[in-house]
N, C-alpha and C. Protein backbone atom coordinates (compact mmCIF):
# COMPACT_ATOMS: atom_id res chain seq x y z
N MET A 1 11.12 -12.77 -4.48
CA MET A 1 10.90 -11.56 -3.70
C MET A 1 11.11 -10.38 -4.75
N LEU A 2 12.06 -10.50 -5.66
CA LEU A 2 12.42 -9.38 -6.45
C LEU A 2 11.42 -9.10 -7.55
N ARG A 3 10.68 -9.95 -8.03
CA ARG A 3 9.50 -9.87 -8.90
C ARG A 3 8.39 -9.09 -8.33
N ASN A 4 8.28 -9.18 -6.96
CA ASN A 4 7.20 -8.49 -6.14
C ASN A 4 7.53 -6.91 -6.16
N LEU A 5 8.73 -6.56 -6.46
CA LEU A 5 9.10 -5.22 -6.38
C LEU A 5 8.47 -4.27 -7.00
N ARG A 6 7.67 -4.90 -8.35
CA ARG A 6 6.96 -4.02 -9.08
C ARG A 6 5.56 -3.78 -8.45
N ASP A 7 5.29 -4.45 -7.39
CA ASP A 7 3.85 -4.26 -6.95
C ASP A 7 3.94 -3.29 -5.66
N LEU A 8 5.32 -2.62 -5.55
CA LEU A 8 5.44 -1.85 -4.36
C LEU A 8 5.07 -0.44 -4.57
N PHE A 9 4.42 0.12 -3.75
CA PHE A 9 4.04 1.53 -3.67
C PHE A 9 4.84 2.20 -2.77
N LEU A 10 5.61 3.06 -3.13
CA LEU A 10 6.41 4.03 -2.16
C LEU A 10 5.75 5.36 -1.78
N ALA A 11 5.30 5.38 -0.50
CA ALA A 11 4.63 6.62 -0.13
C ALA A 11 5.57 7.72 -0.06
N PRO A 12 4.82 8.87 -0.38
CA PRO A 12 5.47 10.27 -0.28
C PRO A 12 6.49 10.45 1.05
N ARG A 13 6.09 9.80 2.17
CA ARG A 13 6.75 9.97 3.36
C ARG A 13 8.11 9.44 3.24
N LEU A 14 8.61 8.42 2.52
CA LEU A 14 9.63 7.81 2.31
C LEU A 14 10.63 8.98 1.61
N PHE A 15 10.03 9.46 0.51
CA PHE A 15 10.81 10.49 -0.18
C PHE A 15 11.13 11.82 0.62
N TRP A 16 10.03 12.07 1.49
CA TRP A 16 10.50 13.25 2.32
C TRP A 16 11.65 13.04 3.36
N CYS A 17 11.56 11.58 3.89
CA CYS A 17 12.64 11.33 4.55
C CYS A 17 14.09 11.34 3.88
N LEU A 18 13.92 11.02 2.74
CA LEU A 18 15.18 10.79 2.22
C LEU A 18 15.70 12.21 1.69
N ALA A 19 14.84 12.95 1.33
CA ALA A 19 15.28 14.37 1.10
C ALA A 19 15.94 15.20 2.25
N GLY A 20 15.15 14.76 3.37
CA GLY A 20 15.82 15.33 4.70
C GLY A 20 17.16 14.76 4.84
N LEU A 21 17.35 13.51 4.64
CA LEU A 21 18.56 12.91 4.65
C LEU A 21 19.70 13.39 3.94
N VAL A 22 19.39 13.84 2.51
CA VAL A 22 20.24 14.40 1.77
C VAL A 22 20.73 15.73 2.22
N VAL A 23 19.68 16.39 2.73
CA VAL A 23 19.90 17.81 3.30
C VAL A 23 21.01 17.56 4.56
N LEU A 24 20.67 16.85 5.37
CA LEU A 24 21.51 16.43 6.45
C LEU A 24 23.00 16.09 6.28
N PHE A 25 23.06 15.13 4.92
CA PHE A 25 24.27 14.88 4.48
C PHE A 25 25.31 16.01 3.99
N VAL A 26 24.50 17.14 3.30
CA VAL A 26 25.03 18.20 2.94
C VAL A 26 25.57 19.10 4.06
N VAL A 27 24.61 19.11 4.97
CA VAL A 27 25.09 19.96 6.03
C VAL A 27 26.16 19.17 6.87
N SER A 28 26.41 17.95 6.80
CA SER A 28 27.54 17.27 7.50
C SER A 28 28.76 17.83 6.98
N HIS A 29 28.84 18.46 5.61
CA HIS A 29 30.02 18.82 5.02
C HIS A 29 30.47 20.11 5.94
N PHE A 30 29.88 20.89 6.47
CA PHE A 30 30.00 21.99 7.01
C PHE A 30 30.04 21.74 8.53
N PHE A 31 29.50 21.02 9.10
CA PHE A 31 29.51 20.84 10.68
C PHE A 31 29.62 19.43 10.70
N GLU A 32 30.60 19.03 11.53
CA GLU A 32 31.07 17.60 11.98
C GLU A 32 29.85 16.74 12.56
N TRP A 33 29.09 17.59 13.71
CA TRP A 33 28.25 16.83 14.24
C TRP A 33 26.99 16.23 13.66
N ALA A 34 26.88 16.66 12.32
CA ALA A 34 25.68 16.27 11.47
C ALA A 34 26.15 14.93 10.86
N GLY A 35 27.22 14.65 10.60
CA GLY A 35 27.75 13.48 10.12
C GLY A 35 27.07 12.08 10.54
N PRO A 36 27.39 11.85 11.88
CA PRO A 36 26.86 10.70 12.67
C PRO A 36 25.50 10.47 12.61
N ILE A 37 24.72 11.78 12.84
CA ILE A 37 23.26 11.75 12.66
C ILE A 37 22.76 11.32 11.43
N ALA A 38 23.40 11.65 10.25
CA ALA A 38 23.03 11.34 9.00
C ALA A 38 23.25 9.91 8.59
N ARG A 39 24.29 9.40 8.92
CA ARG A 39 24.70 7.94 8.95
C ARG A 39 23.82 7.05 9.71
N LEU A 40 23.30 7.45 10.99
CA LEU A 40 22.39 6.91 11.81
C LEU A 40 20.91 6.87 11.12
N GLY A 41 20.44 8.13 10.47
CA GLY A 41 19.32 8.18 9.83
C GLY A 41 19.19 7.34 8.52
N PHE A 42 20.33 7.31 7.81
CA PHE A 42 20.50 6.34 6.65
C PHE A 42 20.42 4.80 7.19
N VAL A 43 20.94 4.52 8.14
CA VAL A 43 20.73 3.04 8.58
C VAL A 43 19.32 2.72 9.17
N ALA A 44 18.56 3.58 9.89
CA ALA A 44 17.45 3.57 10.26
C ALA A 44 16.37 3.35 9.14
N ILE A 45 16.63 4.37 8.18
CA ILE A 45 15.55 4.26 7.08
C ILE A 45 15.80 2.86 6.30
N VAL A 46 17.00 2.37 6.04
CA VAL A 46 17.35 1.19 5.41
C VAL A 46 16.64 0.17 6.13
N THR A 47 16.91 0.03 7.25
CA THR A 47 16.51 -1.00 8.34
C THR A 47 14.91 -1.23 8.37
N LEU A 48 14.29 -0.13 8.43
CA LEU A 48 12.74 0.12 8.35
C LEU A 48 12.15 -0.54 7.06
N PHE A 49 12.96 0.13 5.98
CA PHE A 49 12.39 -0.29 4.71
C PHE A 49 12.43 -1.79 4.40
N VAL A 50 13.53 -2.41 4.82
CA VAL A 50 13.95 -3.91 4.73
C VAL A 50 12.78 -4.65 5.37
N ALA A 51 12.68 -4.03 6.82
CA ALA A 51 11.47 -4.89 7.71
C ALA A 51 10.22 -4.75 7.14
N ASP A 52 9.77 -3.42 6.42
CA ASP A 52 8.45 -3.33 5.92
C ASP A 52 8.42 -4.48 4.66
N LEU A 53 9.36 -4.53 3.97
CA LEU A 53 9.26 -5.38 2.71
C LEU A 53 9.02 -6.84 3.32
N LEU A 54 9.75 -7.18 4.24
CA LEU A 54 9.62 -8.41 4.68
C LEU A 54 8.27 -8.80 5.42
N LEU A 55 7.65 -7.91 6.09
CA LEU A 55 6.36 -7.85 6.56
C LEU A 55 5.38 -8.14 5.44
N VAL A 56 5.55 -7.25 4.35
CA VAL A 56 4.44 -7.17 3.56
C VAL A 56 4.46 -8.22 2.41
N PHE A 57 5.81 -8.63 1.95
CA PHE A 57 5.73 -9.82 0.90
C PHE A 57 6.19 -10.94 1.52
N GLY A 58 6.03 -11.10 3.00
CA GLY A 58 6.28 -12.34 3.61
C GLY A 58 5.39 -13.44 3.04
N ALA A 59 5.25 -14.69 3.75
CA ALA A 59 4.55 -15.79 3.54
C ALA A 59 2.92 -15.49 3.59
N ASP A 60 2.49 -14.96 4.79
CA ASP A 60 1.05 -14.25 4.75
C ASP A 60 0.90 -13.13 3.92
N GLY A 61 -0.31 -13.06 3.74
CA GLY A 61 -0.59 -11.70 2.77
C GLY A 61 -2.30 -11.35 2.91
N VAL A 62 -2.65 -11.09 1.85
CA VAL A 62 -3.89 -10.65 1.60
C VAL A 62 -4.52 -11.59 0.41
N SER A 63 -5.70 -12.10 0.68
CA SER A 63 -6.57 -12.64 -0.42
C SER A 63 -7.74 -11.77 -0.68
N ALA A 64 -8.11 -11.84 -2.12
CA ALA A 64 -9.19 -11.03 -2.33
C ALA A 64 -9.76 -11.71 -3.57
N SER A 65 -11.25 -11.39 -3.75
CA SER A 65 -11.78 -11.93 -4.91
C SER A 65 -13.17 -11.23 -5.28
N ARG A 66 -13.38 -11.00 -6.49
CA ARG A 66 -14.55 -10.07 -7.03
C ARG A 66 -15.54 -10.91 -7.54
N SER A 67 -16.66 -10.63 -7.20
CA SER A 67 -17.97 -11.65 -7.92
C SER A 67 -18.65 -10.65 -8.60
N THR A 68 -19.04 -10.73 -9.85
CA THR A 68 -19.83 -9.84 -10.69
C THR A 68 -20.96 -10.70 -11.31
N PRO A 69 -22.07 -10.08 -11.60
CA PRO A 69 -23.20 -10.52 -12.38
C PRO A 69 -22.52 -11.11 -13.80
N ARG A 70 -23.40 -12.28 -14.31
CA ARG A 70 -22.83 -12.85 -15.48
C ARG A 70 -22.85 -11.91 -16.59
N ARG A 71 -23.59 -10.94 -16.64
CA ARG A 71 -23.52 -9.99 -17.72
C ARG A 71 -23.74 -8.51 -17.16
N LEU A 72 -22.99 -7.52 -17.51
CA LEU A 72 -23.09 -6.27 -16.95
C LEU A 72 -23.87 -5.47 -18.00
N SER A 73 -24.91 -4.58 -17.39
CA SER A 73 -25.72 -3.76 -18.13
C SER A 73 -25.46 -2.11 -17.89
N ASN A 74 -25.45 -1.42 -18.87
CA ASN A 74 -25.43 0.07 -18.69
C ASN A 74 -26.61 0.64 -18.17
N GLY A 75 -27.82 -0.13 -18.61
CA GLY A 75 -29.16 0.49 -18.02
C GLY A 75 -29.59 -0.03 -16.84
N ASP A 76 -29.07 -1.16 -16.23
CA ASP A 76 -29.55 -1.63 -14.98
C ASP A 76 -28.56 -1.47 -14.10
N ILE A 77 -28.88 -1.67 -12.70
CA ILE A 77 -27.88 -1.66 -11.53
C ILE A 77 -27.19 -2.96 -11.49
N ASN A 78 -25.86 -2.72 -11.54
CA ASN A 78 -25.11 -3.86 -11.41
C ASN A 78 -24.31 -4.00 -9.96
N THR A 79 -24.71 -4.97 -9.14
CA THR A 79 -24.00 -4.95 -7.74
C THR A 79 -22.59 -5.93 -8.07
N VAL A 80 -21.66 -5.38 -7.65
CA VAL A 80 -20.33 -6.05 -7.69
C VAL A 80 -20.08 -6.08 -6.15
N SER A 81 -19.52 -7.10 -5.73
CA SER A 81 -18.77 -7.30 -4.35
C SER A 81 -17.25 -7.91 -4.47
N VAL A 82 -16.70 -7.17 -3.40
CA VAL A 82 -15.27 -7.56 -3.52
C VAL A 82 -15.10 -8.17 -2.15
N ALA A 83 -14.56 -9.48 -1.87
CA ALA A 83 -14.30 -10.11 -0.60
C ALA A 83 -12.86 -9.90 -0.41
N ILE A 84 -12.43 -9.47 0.83
CA ILE A 84 -11.06 -9.41 1.14
C ILE A 84 -10.60 -10.17 2.74
N GLU A 85 -9.52 -10.71 2.69
CA GLU A 85 -9.15 -11.45 3.85
C GLU A 85 -7.85 -11.23 4.18
N ASN A 86 -7.70 -10.50 5.13
CA ASN A 86 -6.35 -10.17 6.11
C ASN A 86 -5.67 -11.44 6.58
N GLN A 87 -4.80 -11.86 5.89
CA GLN A 87 -4.07 -12.98 6.67
C GLN A 87 -2.74 -12.75 7.45
N TYR A 88 -2.49 -11.25 7.47
CA TYR A 88 -1.44 -10.80 8.17
C TYR A 88 -1.39 -11.13 9.68
N ARG A 89 -0.36 -10.92 10.31
CA ARG A 89 -0.43 -11.31 11.83
C ARG A 89 -0.67 -9.93 12.57
N PHE A 90 -0.97 -8.82 11.71
CA PHE A 90 -1.19 -7.37 12.37
C PHE A 90 -2.35 -6.80 11.66
N ASP A 91 -2.99 -5.80 12.23
CA ASP A 91 -4.00 -5.10 11.84
C ASP A 91 -3.41 -4.24 10.33
N SER A 92 -4.39 -4.29 9.45
CA SER A 92 -4.01 -3.39 8.35
C SER A 92 -5.06 -2.74 7.72
N ARG A 93 -4.77 -1.67 6.89
CA ARG A 93 -5.69 -0.62 6.07
C ARG A 93 -5.53 -1.12 4.66
N PHE A 94 -6.56 -1.18 3.94
CA PHE A 94 -6.54 -1.37 2.50
C PHE A 94 -7.23 -0.45 1.79
N SER A 95 -6.72 -0.20 0.43
CA SER A 95 -7.44 0.64 -0.50
C SER A 95 -7.88 -0.19 -1.63
N ILE A 96 -9.14 -0.48 -1.91
CA ILE A 96 -9.41 -1.42 -3.07
C ILE A 96 -9.85 -0.40 -4.06
N ILE A 97 -9.02 -0.37 -5.19
CA ILE A 97 -9.20 0.31 -6.41
C ILE A 97 -9.60 -0.54 -7.53
N ASP A 98 -10.97 -0.48 -7.91
CA ASP A 98 -11.25 -1.38 -8.89
C ASP A 98 -11.47 -0.62 -10.18
N GLU A 99 -10.90 -1.08 -11.24
CA GLU A 99 -10.82 -0.46 -12.48
C GLU A 99 -11.97 -0.92 -13.25
N ILE A 100 -12.75 -0.21 -13.36
CA ILE A 100 -14.23 -0.17 -14.09
C ILE A 100 -14.31 0.24 -15.38
N PRO A 101 -14.85 -0.27 -16.39
CA PRO A 101 -14.96 0.02 -17.73
C PRO A 101 -15.23 1.64 -17.97
N ARG A 102 -14.60 2.31 -18.78
CA ARG A 102 -15.08 3.77 -18.64
C ARG A 102 -16.32 4.00 -19.11
N GLN A 103 -17.07 3.10 -19.75
CA GLN A 103 -18.56 3.23 -20.29
C GLN A 103 -19.34 3.26 -19.12
N PHE A 104 -19.02 2.64 -17.93
CA PHE A 104 -20.11 2.86 -16.76
C PHE A 104 -19.93 4.39 -15.98
N GLN A 105 -18.83 5.00 -16.43
CA GLN A 105 -18.81 6.35 -15.94
C GLN A 105 -18.81 6.57 -14.44
N MET A 106 -17.93 5.57 -13.78
CA MET A 106 -17.59 5.61 -12.38
C MET A 106 -16.04 5.90 -12.29
N ARG A 107 -15.90 7.06 -11.79
CA ARG A 107 -14.43 7.40 -11.62
C ARG A 107 -13.75 7.77 -10.33
N ASN A 108 -14.75 7.39 -9.26
CA ASN A 108 -14.31 7.49 -7.84
C ASN A 108 -14.54 6.19 -7.05
N ASN A 109 -14.09 5.19 -7.69
CA ASN A 109 -14.47 3.83 -7.34
C ASN A 109 -13.06 3.29 -6.37
N ARG A 110 -13.00 4.03 -5.15
CA ARG A 110 -12.05 3.34 -4.09
C ARG A 110 -12.75 3.22 -2.87
N ILE A 111 -12.56 2.04 -2.35
CA ILE A 111 -13.10 1.65 -1.02
C ILE A 111 -11.92 1.39 -0.03
N ASP A 112 -11.97 2.08 1.16
CA ASP A 112 -11.32 1.92 2.18
C ASP A 112 -11.67 0.96 3.22
N VAL A 113 -10.80 -0.07 3.62
CA VAL A 113 -11.15 -1.03 4.55
C VAL A 113 -10.09 -1.33 5.45
N ALA A 114 -10.50 -1.26 6.82
CA ALA A 114 -9.64 -1.57 7.89
C ALA A 114 -10.01 -2.82 8.40
N LEU A 115 -8.87 -3.70 8.46
CA LEU A 115 -9.29 -5.34 8.89
C LEU A 115 -8.17 -5.70 10.14
N GLY A 116 -8.63 -6.21 10.92
CA GLY A 116 -7.80 -6.87 12.17
C GLY A 116 -7.39 -8.15 11.55
N SER A 117 -6.16 -8.84 12.35
CA SER A 117 -5.54 -9.91 11.87
C SER A 117 -6.54 -11.07 11.69
N GLY A 118 -6.36 -11.72 10.62
CA GLY A 118 -7.22 -12.92 10.44
C GLY A 118 -8.68 -12.42 9.95
N LYS A 119 -8.95 -11.32 9.92
CA LYS A 119 -10.54 -10.94 9.66
C LYS A 119 -10.72 -10.76 8.19
N ASP A 120 -12.04 -11.03 7.89
CA ASP A 120 -12.37 -10.59 6.33
C ASP A 120 -13.73 -9.58 6.35
N ALA A 121 -13.79 -9.11 5.22
CA ALA A 121 -14.89 -8.10 4.87
C ALA A 121 -15.30 -8.24 3.41
N THR A 122 -16.42 -7.90 3.37
CA THR A 122 -17.09 -7.62 1.78
C THR A 122 -17.59 -6.27 1.68
N ALA A 123 -17.04 -5.78 0.44
CA ALA A 123 -17.35 -4.57 0.10
C ALA A 123 -18.19 -4.67 -1.28
N ARG A 124 -19.40 -3.97 -1.22
CA ARG A 124 -20.38 -3.98 -2.40
C ARG A 124 -20.47 -2.71 -2.94
N TYR A 125 -20.47 -2.46 -4.19
CA TYR A 125 -20.92 -1.27 -4.92
C TYR A 125 -21.84 -1.65 -6.13
N GLU A 126 -22.25 -0.46 -6.61
CA GLU A 126 -23.10 -0.62 -7.83
C GLU A 126 -22.65 0.28 -8.94
């Protein structure tokens, strides 16, 4: 599981919550009532973070495959398809970011997909 931590994307929402928690801990030095709230918030954030790690990096997951033409051409239309399957037990939203060679001059290649549990989809782009 530790080798998967490099694949972890920490959303800005987590950092905003941690910043609010730091402010609450600073306030707790001046007002006693803020101490238990800050500790409870810390326990809640850590618990939710660990639960999220277990859900995302558990046994089930996502499988994806990309199929391309045998040769890609700058002058012709190249159809690329990405098949993605949600193997989680819950509905998920995915952002497929395909790194295309800069020679093709596509810089906005992001596909957002929402899949139910056990569902699959195929995204195509040219």
